Amino acid sequence: MLRRIALTTSASLVMIAASASAAGAVASPFPLVPFVSGVAGSGAAPEPGASAPEPAERAEPVERTEPTEPQEPAEPTEPAEPAEPAESAEPAAPRGQARAGSQGRWVAPESDRLTVTISETGNTRTDGRYELQCGPTGGTHPAAEAACGRLDELAGGEADPFAPVPEGTYCTQQTGGPATARVTGTWRGQPVDATFTQVDGCEISRWQNLEPILPSTRS
């Protein structure tokens, strides 16, 4: 019974579908477009009378940029000149001496000129007044070469050979005689005016330190 009802229903549905298809074919002047599943887009057929879609605007071509000119290589910078080493301060010149800068040694400014007056030595050959010049060596001094050599030696020391005995110095009580000497002039650019005697041990040593500028009085 149920089977007969299903077959009758199926036959009715087929007849209805056929009638509808025939009616549509007569009424519509446009052919039917079958629906195809899976086609890109909306999946529906275009409506009759709809205008075709306008084409997309064409993108304007990108203007071609001109190649830039190659930049000129930077000129090499000149190397910086090395800084000059700072000049070291020159030590102060000893008394009466001038600095010979490039040679680094001490020299007499020009020449030493001394006047030596000797008296009461007991020797008439040594008493008298003598002129002594060093650099170049000259004068009336009887031992000018040796006297100038001694002055050069004394220039290398720190003590001033023409300075008097410092006050308060202990000196031996001895005498070397009545001899006296006076030295005046210029030594190493400094004025000299010194007196020498032999009244005690200090003065005797001071006199002997200046030999042969001063004559020896030792027998």
Protein backbone atom coordinates (compact mmCIF):
# COMPACT_ATOMS: atom_id res chain seq x y z
CA MET A 1 0.00 0.00 0.00
CA LEU A 2 2.73 2.42 0.96
CA ARG A 3 4.72 1.49 -2.08
CA ARG A 4 1.79 2.31 -4.35
CA ILE A 5 1.37 5.72 -2.73
CA ALA A 6 5.11 6.55 -3.21
CA LEU A 7 5.04 5.57 -6.86
CA THR A 8 1.89 7.64 -7.46
CA THR A 9 3.49 10.67 -5.75
CA SER A 10 6.72 10.38 -7.78
CA ALA A 11 4.76 10.18 -11.04
CA SER A 12 2.79 13.27 -10.13
CA LEU A 13 5.93 15.23 -9.34
CA VAL A 14 7.49 14.27 -12.67
CA MET A 15 4.40 15.42 -14.57
CA ILE A 16 4.35 18.74 -12.73
CA ALA A 17 8.00 19.32 -13.48
CA ALA A 18 7.52 18.53 -17.14
CA SER A 19 4.54 20.88 -17.42
CA ALA A 20 6.48 23.69 -15.76
CA SER A 21 9.44 23.15 -18.06
CA ALA A 22 7.27 23.26 -21.13
CA ALA A 23 5.53 26.42 -19.98
CA GLY A 24 8.83 28.16 -19.32
CA ALA A 25 10.18 27.27 -22.69
CA VAL A 26 7.27 28.94 -24.39
CA ALA A 27 7.01 32.03 -22.21
CA SER A 28 10.72 33.04 -21.97
CA PRO A 29 12.47 34.20 -25.11
CA PHE A 30 15.86 33.55 -23.45
CA PRO A 31 17.39 30.17 -23.26
CA LEU A 32 17.66 28.67 -19.83
CA VAL A 33 21.10 28.78 -18.38
CA PRO A 34 21.78 25.82 -16.21
CA PHE A 35 23.21 26.49 -12.79
CA VAL A 36 26.67 25.11 -12.44
CA SER A 37 27.89 24.67 -8.93
CA GLY A 38 31.46 25.72 -8.13
CA VAL A 39 31.86 28.44 -10.83
CA ALA A 40 33.77 31.52 -9.61
CA GLY A 41 31.61 34.56 -8.95
CA SER A 42 28.20 34.78 -7.35
CA GLY A 43 27.05 31.42 -8.84
CA ALA A 44 23.84 32.98 -10.36
CA ALA A 45 23.13 33.68 -14.00
CA PRO A 46 23.05 37.31 -15.06
CA GLU A 47 19.60 38.85 -15.05
CA PRO A 48 18.00 39.58 -18.43
CA GLY A 49 18.52 43.17 -19.56
CA ALA A 50 21.48 43.75 -17.15
CA SER A 51 24.32 45.68 -18.71
CA ALA A 52 27.71 44.04 -18.97
CA PRO A 53 30.13 45.03 -16.23
CA GLU A 54 32.48 47.81 -17.14
CA PRO A 55 36.10 46.74 -17.54
CA ALA A 56 38.46 47.75 -14.74
CA GLU A 57 40.45 50.89 -15.34
CA ARG A 58 43.88 50.19 -16.73
CA ALA A 59 46.64 51.08 -14.35
CA GLU A 60 48.87 53.82 -15.64
CA PRO A 61 52.41 52.62 -16.32
CA VAL A 62 54.96 53.68 -13.76
CA GLU A 63 57.26 56.33 -15.10
CA ARG A 64 60.78 55.06 -15.53
CA THR A 65 63.19 56.91 -13.37
CA GLU A 66 66.36 58.06 -15.00
CA PRO A 67 69.51 56.47 -13.57
CA THR A 68 71.37 58.78 -11.25
CA GLU A 69 74.82 59.87 -12.22
CA PRO A 70 77.56 58.09 -10.26
CA GLN A 71 78.96 60.29 -7.53
CA GLU A 72 82.55 61.30 -7.83
CA PRO A 73 84.75 59.60 -5.24
CA ALA A 74 85.69 61.85 -2.36
CA GLU A 75 89.17 63.22 -2.55
CA PRO A 76 91.47 61.58 -0.01
CA THR A 77 92.20 63.83 2.91
CA GLU A 78 95.75 64.78 3.52
CA PRO A 79 97.25 63.11 6.59
CA ALA A 80 97.56 65.42 9.53
CA GLU A 81 101.05 66.64 10.16
CA PRO A 82 102.53 65.15 13.32
CA ALA A 83 102.63 67.57 16.19
CA GLU A 84 106.03 68.98 16.89
CA PRO A 85 107.47 67.75 20.17
CA ALA A 86 107.38 70.34 22.86
CA GLU A 87 110.72 71.90 23.50
CA SER A 88 112.09 70.89 26.83
CA ALA A 89 112.93 73.71 29.13
CA GLU A 90 116.64 74.40 29.19
CA PRO A 91 118.27 74.27 32.57
CA ALA A 92 119.38 77.57 33.97
CA ALA A 93 122.94 78.41 33.12
CA PRO A 94 125.45 78.41 35.93
CA ARG A 95 126.61 81.77 37.09
CA GLY A 96 128.22 83.72 34.29
CA GLN A 97 127.70 81.08 31.61
CA ALA A 98 125.72 81.24 28.39
CA ARG A 99 123.88 78.35 26.81
CA ALA A 100 125.01 77.13 23.38
CA GLY A 101 121.54 75.80 22.54
CA SER A 102 122.13 73.43 19.63
CA GLN A 103 125.30 71.86 20.99
CA GLY A 104 124.11 71.43 24.55
CA ARG A 105 127.28 72.56 26.30
CA TRP A 106 128.28 75.52 28.38
CA VAL A 107 130.61 78.08 26.86
CA ALA A 108 131.96 81.43 27.85
CA PRO A 109 129.82 84.30 26.54
CA GLU A 110 132.80 85.86 24.79
CA SER A 111 135.99 86.03 26.80
CA ASP A 112 137.05 86.20 30.41
CA ARG A 113 139.18 89.18 31.39
CA LEU A 114 140.75 89.38 34.82
CA THR A 115 143.29 91.66 36.45
CA VAL A 116 145.39 89.93 39.12
CA THR A 117 147.38 92.02 41.58
CA ILE A 118 149.85 90.17 43.86
CA SER A 119 151.82 91.68 46.71
CA GLU A 120 153.99 90.74 49.71
CA THR A 121 154.66 87.19 48.63
CA GLY A 122 158.37 87.54 49.37
CA ASN A 123 159.14 86.80 45.73
CA THR A 124 159.74 89.74 43.45
CA ARG A 125 159.12 87.58 40.38
CA THR A 126 155.49 86.92 41.38
CA ASP A 127 154.55 90.25 42.90
CA GLY A 128 152.98 92.59 40.42
CA ARG A 129 149.93 93.31 38.29
CA TYR A 130 148.92 90.92 35.51
CA GLU A 131 146.23 90.83 32.85
CA LEU A 132 144.63 87.48 32.07
CA GLN A 133 142.35 86.83 29.08
CA CYS A 134 140.71 83.49 28.29
CA GLY A 135 138.88 82.61 25.07
CA PRO A 136 141.23 83.24 23.37
CA THR A 137 144.09 82.97 25.81
CA GLY A 138 146.20 86.07 26.17
CA GLY A 139 147.44 88.83 28.47
CA THR A 140 150.54 89.37 30.58
CA HIS A 141 149.89 86.61 33.11
CA PRO A 142 153.01 84.43 33.41
CA ALA A 143 150.97 81.17 33.29
CA ALA A 144 148.03 82.21 31.09
CA GLU A 145 147.35 78.76 29.55
CA ALA A 146 147.32 76.97 32.90
CA ALA A 147 145.31 79.78 34.52
CA CYS A 148 142.60 79.63 31.83
CA GLY A 149 142.49 75.84 32.11
CA ARG A 150 141.92 76.16 35.86
CA LEU A 151 139.11 78.65 35.30
CA ASP A 152 137.42 76.14 32.95
CA GLU A 153 137.65 73.46 35.64
CA LEU A 154 136.16 75.79 38.25
CA ALA A 155 133.30 76.64 35.88
CA GLY A 156 132.07 73.05 36.11
CA GLY A 157 131.64 73.22 39.88
CA GLU A 158 128.81 74.66 41.88
CA ALA A 159 130.91 76.79 44.25
CA ASP A 160 131.98 80.29 43.31
CA PRO A 161 135.80 80.36 43.63
CA PHE A 162 135.75 84.14 44.11
CA ALA A 163 133.18 84.11 46.96
CA PRO A 164 134.47 85.02 50.45
CA VAL A 165 134.60 82.52 53.30
CA PRO A 166 131.06 82.23 54.76
CA GLU A 167 130.62 83.82 58.18
CA GLY A 168 130.70 81.39 61.07
CA THR A 169 133.00 78.92 59.30
CA TYR A 170 135.46 77.22 61.65
CA CYS A 171 139.02 77.80 60.39
CA THR A 172 142.30 76.52 61.74
CA GLN A 173 144.54 79.09 63.37
CA GLN A 174 147.50 78.97 61.04
CA THR A 175 149.10 81.50 58.77
CA GLY A 176 150.73 81.26 55.41
CA GLY A 177 152.35 84.66 55.43
CA PRO A 178 151.49 88.27 54.63
CA ALA A 179 150.80 87.68 50.92
CA THR A 180 147.70 89.29 49.49
CA ALA A 181 146.00 89.22 46.13
CA ARG A 182 143.15 91.03 44.46
CA VAL A 183 141.29 89.78 41.38
CA THR A 184 138.95 92.07 39.41
CA GLY A 185 137.29 91.89 36.02
CA THR A 186 134.73 89.58 34.39
CA TRP A 187 134.40 85.80 34.60
CA ARG A 188 131.64 83.91 32.79
CA GLY A 189 129.80 87.16 32.20
CA GLN A 190 129.76 88.09 35.90
CA PRO A 191 131.74 90.90 37.56
CA VAL A 192 134.55 89.80 39.87
CA ASP A 193 136.13 91.75 42.74
CA ALA A 194 137.71 89.43 45.31
CA THR A 195 140.52 89.69 47.85
CA PHE A 196 142.67 86.76 49.00
CA THR A 197 144.98 86.37 52.01
CA GLN A 198 146.65 83.56 53.95
CA VAL A 199 145.78 84.58 57.50
CA ASP A 200 144.13 81.24 58.48
CA GLY A 201 143.40 77.74 57.22
CA CYS A 202 140.25 78.79 55.32
CA GLU A 203 141.98 81.62 53.48
CA ILE A 204 144.98 79.45 52.66
CA SER A 205 142.68 76.80 51.11
CA ARG A 206 140.82 79.50 49.17
CA TRP A 207 144.13 80.83 47.76
CA GLN A 208 145.38 77.39 46.80
CA ASN A 209 142.08 76.58 45.09
CA LEU A 210 142.76 79.45 42.66
CA GLU A 211 146.33 78.44 41.78
CA PRO A 212 147.87 78.97 39.17
CA ILE A 213 145.73 82.05 38.67
CA LEU A 214 147.30 83.11 41.93
CA PRO A 215 150.96 82.22 42.36
CA SER A 216 151.96 79.43 44.71
CA THR A 217 153.64 80.69 47.89
CA ARG A 218 154.54 77.27 49.24
CA SER A 219 158.27 76.68 49.61
